[in-house]
Amino acid sequence: MEERLKALEIAIKLEEDGKKFYNELAEKATDPFEGRFFFALAHEERGHHLSFWDYREYLEDPAGWFSMKEGFRLDGG
């Protein structure tokens, strides 16, 4: 389990770095198509980041993760 969490932390960091890199390239782009392309790549990196983050949450607390995903509520009634 610890190895998976360490690997996820590395993956999350790499995705954050990738997102920052592509956003910087998009901001520096002089061609609008090039800028949109780099923003699209940054968006892809964000999706990867969120997937890894979600998987980490699952590994750390499976019961809480399922409760959040399935929307269990306590109604007190």
N, C-alpha and C. Protein backbone atom coordinates (compact mmCIF):
# COMPACT_ATOMS: atom_id res chain seq x y z
N MET A 1 0.83 -1.20 0.00
CA MET A 1 0.00 0.00 0.00
C MET A 1 0.86 1.26 0.00
N GLU A 2 1.88 1.28 0.85
CA GLU A 2 2.74 2.46 0.93
C GLU A 2 3.40 2.78 -0.40
N GLU A 3 3.78 1.73 -1.14
CA GLU A 3 4.43 1.95 -2.43
C GLU A 3 3.47 2.62 -3.41
N ARG A 4 2.20 2.19 -3.37
CA ARG A 4 1.21 2.80 -4.26
C ARG A 4 1.00 4.26 -3.92
N LEU A 5 0.94 4.56 -2.64
CA LEU A 5 0.74 5.96 -2.23
C LEU A 5 1.94 6.82 -2.62
N LYS A 6 3.14 6.28 -2.46
CA LYS A 6 4.33 7.03 -2.88
C LYS A 6 4.31 7.28 -4.38
N ALA A 7 3.96 6.24 -5.14
CA ALA A 7 3.89 6.39 -6.59
C ALA A 7 2.84 7.41 -6.99
N LEU A 8 1.71 7.42 -6.30
CA LEU A 8 0.65 8.39 -6.59
C LEU A 8 1.11 9.81 -6.28
N GLU A 9 1.83 10.00 -5.18
CA GLU A 9 2.33 11.33 -4.86
C GLU A 9 3.27 11.84 -5.95
N ILE A 10 4.12 10.94 -6.46
CA ILE A 10 5.01 11.32 -7.56
C ILE A 10 4.21 11.67 -8.80
N ALA A 11 3.23 10.83 -9.12
CA ALA A 11 2.40 11.06 -10.31
C ALA A 11 1.63 12.37 -10.19
N ILE A 12 1.09 12.65 -9.03
CA ILE A 12 0.34 13.90 -8.82
C ILE A 12 1.27 15.10 -9.02
N LYS A 13 2.47 15.02 -8.48
CA LYS A 13 3.45 16.11 -8.64
C LYS A 13 3.81 16.30 -10.12
N LEU A 14 4.02 15.20 -10.83
CA LEU A 14 4.36 15.31 -12.25
C LEU A 14 3.22 15.94 -13.06
N GLU A 15 1.99 15.58 -12.73
CA GLU A 15 0.85 16.16 -13.43
C GLU A 15 0.73 17.65 -13.12
N GLU A 16 0.97 18.04 -11.87
CA GLU A 16 0.94 19.46 -11.51
C GLU A 16 2.01 20.23 -12.28
N ASP A 17 3.21 19.64 -12.35
CA ASP A 17 4.30 20.28 -13.09
C ASP A 17 3.96 20.39 -14.58
N GLY A 18 3.37 19.33 -15.13
CA GLY A 18 2.99 19.34 -16.54
C GLY A 18 1.94 20.40 -16.83
N LYS A 19 0.96 20.50 -15.94
CA LYS A 19 -0.10 21.50 -16.11
C LYS A 19 0.49 22.91 -16.08
N LYS A 20 1.39 23.16 -15.15
CA LYS A 20 2.04 24.47 -15.05
C LYS A 20 2.86 24.76 -16.32
N PHE A 21 3.61 23.76 -16.78
CA PHE A 21 4.44 23.90 -17.97
C PHE A 21 3.60 24.27 -19.19
N TYR A 22 2.52 23.54 -19.42
CA TYR A 22 1.68 23.80 -20.59
C TYR A 22 0.96 25.14 -20.48
N ASN A 23 0.54 25.51 -19.28
CA ASN A 23 -0.09 26.83 -19.11
C ASN A 23 0.90 27.95 -19.42
N GLU A 24 2.14 27.78 -18.99
CA GLU A 24 3.16 28.79 -19.30
C GLU A 24 3.40 28.89 -20.80
N LEU A 25 3.47 27.74 -21.48
CA LEU A 25 3.65 27.76 -22.93
C LEU A 25 2.45 28.42 -23.62
N ALA A 26 1.26 28.15 -23.12
CA ALA A 26 0.06 28.74 -23.71
C ALA A 26 0.07 30.26 -23.56
N GLU A 27 0.50 30.73 -22.41
CA GLU A 27 0.54 32.17 -22.18
C GLU A 27 1.59 32.86 -23.04
N LYS A 28 2.67 32.15 -23.37
CA LYS A 28 3.74 32.72 -24.19
C LYS A 28 3.47 32.59 -25.69
N ALA A 29 2.51 31.76 -26.05
CA ALA A 29 2.26 31.50 -27.47
C ALA A 29 1.81 32.78 -28.18
N THR A 30 2.32 32.97 -29.39
CA THR A 30 1.92 34.13 -30.18
C THR A 30 0.80 33.76 -31.16
N ASP A 31 0.71 32.51 -31.50
CA ASP A 31 -0.35 32.02 -32.40
C ASP A 31 -1.53 31.54 -31.55
N PRO A 32 -2.75 32.03 -31.82
CA PRO A 32 -3.90 31.63 -31.01
C PRO A 32 -4.16 30.12 -31.03
N PHE A 33 -3.92 29.48 -32.17
CA PHE A 33 -4.13 28.03 -32.24
C PHE A 33 -3.13 27.30 -31.35
N GLU A 34 -1.92 27.78 -31.35
CA GLU A 34 -0.88 27.19 -30.51
C GLU A 34 -1.25 27.36 -29.03
N GLY A 35 -1.72 28.54 -28.68
CA GLY A 35 -2.13 28.80 -27.30
C GLY A 35 -3.25 27.87 -26.86
N ARG A 36 -4.25 27.71 -27.72
CA ARG A 36 -5.36 26.82 -27.38
C ARG A 36 -4.89 25.38 -27.26
N PHE A 37 -3.95 24.98 -28.12
CA PHE A 37 -3.41 23.63 -28.06
C PHE A 37 -2.75 23.38 -26.70
N PHE A 38 -1.91 24.33 -26.25
CA PHE A 38 -1.24 24.15 -24.97
C PHE A 38 -2.22 24.21 -23.80
N PHE A 39 -3.26 25.06 -23.90
CA PHE A 39 -4.29 25.08 -22.86
C PHE A 39 -5.03 23.74 -22.82
N ALA A 40 -5.26 23.15 -23.98
CA ALA A 40 -5.91 21.83 -24.04
C ALA A 40 -5.03 20.77 -23.37
N LEU A 41 -3.73 20.84 -23.61
CA LEU A 41 -2.82 19.89 -22.97
C LEU A 41 -2.80 20.10 -21.45
N ALA A 42 -2.84 21.34 -21.01
CA ALA A 42 -2.90 21.62 -19.58
C ALA A 42 -4.17 21.06 -18.98
N HIS A 43 -5.27 21.17 -19.72
CA HIS A 43 -6.55 20.63 -19.25
C HIS A 43 -6.47 19.10 -19.13
N GLU A 44 -5.82 18.46 -20.07
CA GLU A 44 -5.62 17.00 -19.99
C GLU A 44 -4.82 16.63 -18.75
N GLU A 45 -3.77 17.39 -18.48
CA GLU A 45 -2.95 17.13 -17.30
C GLU A 45 -3.79 17.29 -16.03
N ARG A 46 -4.67 18.26 -16.03
CA ARG A 46 -5.55 18.47 -14.87
C ARG A 46 -6.44 17.26 -14.66
N GLY A 47 -6.96 16.70 -15.74
CA GLY A 47 -7.78 15.50 -15.64
C GLY A 47 -7.00 14.33 -15.06
N HIS A 48 -5.76 14.17 -15.50
CA HIS A 48 -4.92 13.11 -14.95
C HIS A 48 -4.68 13.34 -13.46
N HIS A 49 -4.38 14.59 -13.12
CA HIS A 49 -4.13 14.96 -11.72
C HIS A 49 -5.34 14.58 -10.86
N LEU A 50 -6.53 14.94 -11.32
CA LEU A 50 -7.73 14.64 -10.54
C LEU A 50 -7.98 13.14 -10.42
N SER A 51 -7.67 12.39 -11.44
CA SER A 51 -7.82 10.93 -11.39
C SER A 51 -6.87 10.32 -10.36
N PHE A 52 -5.63 10.77 -10.37
CA PHE A 52 -4.66 10.26 -9.39
C PHE A 52 -5.06 10.66 -7.98
N TRP A 53 -5.51 11.89 -7.83
CA TRP A 53 -5.93 12.39 -6.52
C TRP A 53 -7.11 11.55 -6.00
N ASP A 54 -8.06 11.27 -6.89
CA ASP A 54 -9.22 10.47 -6.52
C ASP A 54 -8.80 9.06 -6.10
N TYR A 55 -7.88 8.46 -6.83
CA TYR A 55 -7.40 7.12 -6.49
C TYR A 55 -6.68 7.13 -5.14
N ARG A 56 -5.91 8.18 -4.88
CA ARG A 56 -5.25 8.30 -3.57
C ARG A 56 -6.27 8.37 -2.45
N GLU A 57 -7.33 9.14 -2.67
CA GLU A 57 -8.40 9.22 -1.66
C GLU A 57 -9.03 7.85 -1.40
N TYR A 58 -9.21 7.09 -2.47
CA TYR A 58 -9.77 5.75 -2.33
C TYR A 58 -8.84 4.85 -1.49
N LEU A 59 -7.55 4.89 -1.80
CA LEU A 59 -6.61 4.04 -1.07
C LEU A 59 -6.52 4.42 0.40
N GLU A 60 -6.59 5.70 0.69
CA GLU A 60 -6.46 6.15 2.07
C GLU A 60 -7.71 5.89 2.90
N ASP A 61 -8.89 5.95 2.28
CA ASP A 61 -10.14 5.77 3.01
C ASP A 61 -11.22 5.21 2.08
N PRO A 62 -11.18 3.89 1.82
CA PRO A 62 -12.15 3.31 0.87
C PRO A 62 -13.61 3.53 1.29
N ALA A 63 -13.91 3.36 2.57
CA ALA A 63 -15.30 3.52 3.02
C ALA A 63 -15.77 4.96 2.82
N GLY A 64 -14.93 5.91 3.18
CA GLY A 64 -15.29 7.32 2.99
C GLY A 64 -15.40 7.67 1.53
N TRP A 65 -14.53 7.10 0.71
CA TRP A 65 -14.57 7.35 -0.74
C TRP A 65 -15.88 6.86 -1.33
N PHE A 66 -16.31 5.62 -0.95
CA PHE A 66 -17.57 5.10 -1.46
C PHE A 66 -18.75 5.92 -0.98
N SER A 67 -18.71 6.35 0.27
CA SER A 67 -19.79 7.19 0.79
C SER A 67 -19.91 8.48 0.00
N MET A 68 -18.77 9.09 -0.29
CA MET A 68 -18.77 10.34 -1.05
C MET A 68 -19.28 10.11 -2.47
N LYS A 69 -18.82 9.06 -3.12
CA LYS A 69 -19.19 8.80 -4.51
C LYS A 69 -20.65 8.39 -4.64
N GLU A 70 -21.14 7.62 -3.68
CA GLU A 70 -22.52 7.15 -3.76
C GLU A 70 -23.52 8.10 -3.13
N GLY A 71 -23.01 9.11 -2.43
CA GLY A 71 -23.87 10.15 -1.89
C GLY A 71 -24.72 9.73 -0.71
N PHE A 72 -24.18 8.87 0.13
CA PHE A 72 -24.94 8.47 1.32
C PHE A 72 -25.17 9.69 2.21
N ARG A 73 -26.37 9.76 2.75
CA ARG A 73 -26.73 10.86 3.63
C ARG A 73 -27.38 10.30 4.89
N LEU A 74 -27.14 10.96 6.00
CA LEU A 74 -27.83 10.61 7.23
C LEU A 74 -28.97 11.60 7.39
N ASP A 75 -30.18 11.06 7.49
CA ASP A 75 -31.33 11.98 7.58
C ASP A 75 -31.86 12.12 8.98
N GLY A 76 -31.39 11.31 9.93
CA GLY A 76 -31.79 11.44 11.33
C GLY A 76 -33.24 11.09 11.58
N GLY A 77 -33.94 10.52 10.59
CA GLY A 77 -35.35 10.23 10.78
C GLY A 77 -35.73 8.85 10.87
